[in-house]
Amino acid sequence: MAIRKIRTVPDEMLTKVCREVTAFDERLAVLLDDLYETMKDANGVGLAAPQVGVLRRVAVIDVGEGRVELVNPVIIARSAKKQVSEEGCLSLPGKFGKVERPKSVTVRAQDRTGNVFELAGSEYLARAICHETDHLDGKVFVERVLK
């Protein structure tokens, strides 16, 4: 495992849509482990592959409920109820803003071996899932900051 360099805005890598993962191999396992270690080292709660220069649909999250690995995540359900809270991002150090997100979401993803699973999250976990999947679509939270 290794600490990778986190890319910051205006790095163009952060504006690219990531490609789907098709190989569930040792390289993917190393990427997942490195993402988690890098996130923890930076005191973050989520990190997506493009933030370390890899254009693959991979993210890790840990909001205090344990490690979550998302490969090829797709949000399949969003609650109508919303939450507004301040967000920050490891790719925008020192910047924060209020963002509206669904109060709860369900994501369908694969694990490091390719098994499909669904995860329902609410509150902080829902916010983190939305934030990290945005990264995989080339979006950063400042594009969603409430005016």
Protein backbone atom coordinates (compact mmCIF):
# COMPACT_ATOMS: atom_id res chain seq x y z
CA MET A 1 0.00 0.00 0.00
CA ALA A 2 1.13 3.52 -0.73
CA ILE A 3 0.11 7.10 -0.12
CA ARG A 4 -0.71 8.66 -3.48
CA LYS A 5 -0.64 12.33 -4.42
CA ILE A 6 -4.10 13.89 -4.30
CA ARG A 7 -4.82 16.06 -7.31
CA THR A 8 -6.34 19.47 -6.69
CA VAL A 9 -8.47 21.87 -8.71
CA PRO A 10 -7.80 23.01 -11.45
CA ASP A 11 -6.26 19.65 -12.46
CA GLU A 12 -8.14 18.53 -15.60
CA MET A 13 -8.21 14.94 -14.35
CA LEU A 14 -10.95 16.04 -11.94
CA THR A 15 -13.24 17.05 -14.83
CA LYS A 16 -13.11 13.74 -16.72
CA VAL A 17 -15.79 11.04 -16.69
CA CYS A 18 -14.26 7.78 -15.47
CA ARG A 19 -14.34 4.47 -17.31
CA GLU A 20 -15.98 1.35 -15.93
CA VAL A 21 -13.78 -1.24 -14.24
CA THR A 22 -13.73 -4.53 -16.15
CA ALA A 23 -10.69 -6.26 -14.60
CA PHE A 24 -11.08 -7.36 -11.00
CA ASP A 25 -7.45 -8.13 -10.40
CA GLU A 26 -4.47 -7.30 -8.20
CA ARG A 27 -4.15 -3.81 -9.74
CA LEU A 28 -7.69 -3.00 -8.60
CA ALA A 29 -6.98 -4.35 -5.12
CA VAL A 30 -3.85 -2.20 -4.87
CA LEU A 31 -5.79 0.87 -6.06
CA LEU A 32 -8.51 0.29 -3.45
CA ASP A 33 -5.95 -0.16 -0.67
CA ASP A 34 -3.97 2.90 -1.78
CA LEU A 35 -7.12 5.03 -1.99
CA TYR A 36 -8.10 4.05 1.54
CA GLU A 37 -4.64 4.64 2.96
CA THR A 38 -4.34 7.99 1.14
CA MET A 39 -7.79 9.07 2.36
CA LYS A 40 -6.98 8.18 5.97
CA ASP A 41 -3.58 9.90 5.78
CA ALA A 42 -5.31 13.09 4.55
CA ASN A 43 -8.02 12.88 7.27
CA GLY A 44 -10.75 12.45 4.67
CA VAL A 45 -13.95 10.41 4.68
CA GLY A 46 -13.99 9.59 0.97
CA LEU A 47 -11.68 9.45 -2.01
CA ALA A 48 -12.32 8.63 -5.66
CA ALA A 49 -9.83 7.26 -8.18
CA PRO A 50 -9.64 10.41 -10.36
CA GLN A 51 -8.45 12.32 -7.30
CA VAL A 52 -5.24 10.28 -7.51
CA GLY A 53 -5.05 10.39 -11.30
CA VAL A 54 -6.81 7.13 -12.20
CA LEU A 55 -9.82 7.43 -14.52
CA ARG A 56 -11.70 4.38 -13.25
CA ARG A 57 -15.08 4.17 -11.48
CA VAL A 58 -13.66 3.37 -8.04
CA ALA A 59 -14.13 5.11 -4.69
CA VAL A 60 -13.66 4.42 -0.99
CA ILE A 61 -15.61 5.87 1.94
CA ASP A 62 -15.36 5.69 5.71
CA VAL A 63 -17.65 8.02 7.62
CA GLY A 64 -16.96 6.21 10.88
CA GLU A 65 -19.10 3.17 10.09
CA GLY A 66 -16.29 1.15 8.50
CA ARG A 67 -14.62 0.90 5.13
CA VAL A 68 -16.84 0.98 2.04
CA GLU A 69 -15.38 0.12 -1.36
CA LEU A 70 -17.41 1.05 -4.42
CA VAL A 71 -16.46 -0.24 -7.86
CA ASN A 72 -18.68 0.90 -10.76
CA PRO A 73 -21.19 2.53 -8.39
CA VAL A 74 -24.58 3.70 -9.65
CA ILE A 75 -27.08 5.46 -7.41
CA ILE A 76 -30.33 3.60 -8.05
CA ALA A 77 -32.60 5.36 -5.53
CA ARG A 78 -32.68 8.81 -3.91
CA SER A 79 -35.07 9.98 -1.24
CA ALA A 80 -37.31 12.95 -1.94
CA LYS A 81 -36.29 14.35 1.44
CA LYS A 82 -33.22 16.55 1.22
CA GLN A 83 -30.43 17.54 3.55
CA VAL A 84 -28.33 20.68 3.36
CA SER A 85 -24.91 20.65 4.96
CA GLU A 86 -21.43 22.00 4.50
CA GLU A 87 -19.07 19.94 2.34
CA GLY A 88 -15.37 20.04 1.74
CA CYS A 89 -13.08 18.03 -0.51
CA LEU A 90 -9.50 16.78 -0.42
CA SER A 91 -9.12 18.16 -3.97
CA LEU A 92 -10.16 21.64 -2.82
CA PRO A 93 -8.22 22.09 0.44
CA GLY A 94 -9.64 24.75 2.73
CA LYS A 95 -12.79 25.32 0.66
CA PHE A 96 -16.24 24.58 2.03
CA GLY A 97 -19.81 25.25 0.95
CA LYS A 98 -23.40 24.30 1.67
CA VAL A 99 -24.67 21.59 -0.68
CA GLU A 100 -28.12 20.02 -0.96
CA ARG A 101 -28.11 16.23 -1.24
CA PRO A 102 -30.73 13.49 -0.83
CA LYS A 103 -31.27 12.49 2.80
CA SER A 104 -30.85 8.84 1.78
CA VAL A 105 -29.63 6.93 -1.27
CA THR A 106 -29.19 3.37 -2.44
CA VAL A 107 -26.14 2.57 -4.51
CA ARG A 108 -25.50 -0.55 -6.58
CA ALA A 109 -21.81 -1.36 -6.97
CA GLN A 110 -19.31 -4.15 -7.16
CA ASP A 111 -16.75 -5.20 -4.59
CA ARG A 112 -13.06 -5.79 -5.32
CA THR A 113 -13.80 -9.28 -6.67
CA GLY A 114 -16.67 -8.20 -8.94
CA ASN A 115 -19.60 -9.28 -6.78
CA VAL A 116 -22.58 -6.94 -7.14
CA PHE A 117 -24.13 -5.50 -3.97
CA GLU A 118 -26.49 -2.75 -2.92
CA LEU A 119 -25.90 -0.36 -0.05
CA ALA A 120 -28.46 1.99 1.47
CA GLY A 121 -27.09 5.01 3.27
CA SER A 122 -28.61 8.00 4.99
CA GLU A 123 -27.40 11.32 6.32
CA TYR A 124 -23.58 11.54 6.23
CA LEU A 125 -23.09 8.25 4.35
CA ALA A 126 -25.62 9.31 1.69
CA ARG A 127 -23.78 12.63 1.31
CA ALA A 128 -20.42 10.84 0.94
CA ILE A 129 -21.80 8.39 -1.65
CA CYS A 130 -23.19 11.28 -3.72
CA HIS A 131 -19.96 13.30 -3.37
CA GLU A 132 -17.72 10.43 -4.47
CA THR A 133 -19.94 9.31 -7.36
CA ASP A 134 -19.94 12.94 -8.55
CA HIS A 135 -16.13 12.71 -8.77
CA LEU A 136 -16.50 9.68 -11.05
CA ASP A 137 -18.61 11.83 -13.37
CA GLY A 138 -16.08 14.66 -13.44
CA LYS A 139 -17.90 16.91 -10.98
CA VAL A 140 -16.65 18.57 -7.78
CA PHE A 141 -18.86 19.81 -4.95
CA VAL A 142 -18.35 23.51 -5.71
CA GLU A 143 -20.52 23.00 -8.80
CA ARG A 144 -23.40 22.19 -6.41
CA VAL A 145 -22.86 24.86 -3.75
CA LEU A 146 -26.07 26.69 -2.92
CA LYS A 147 -26.10 30.36 -3.83
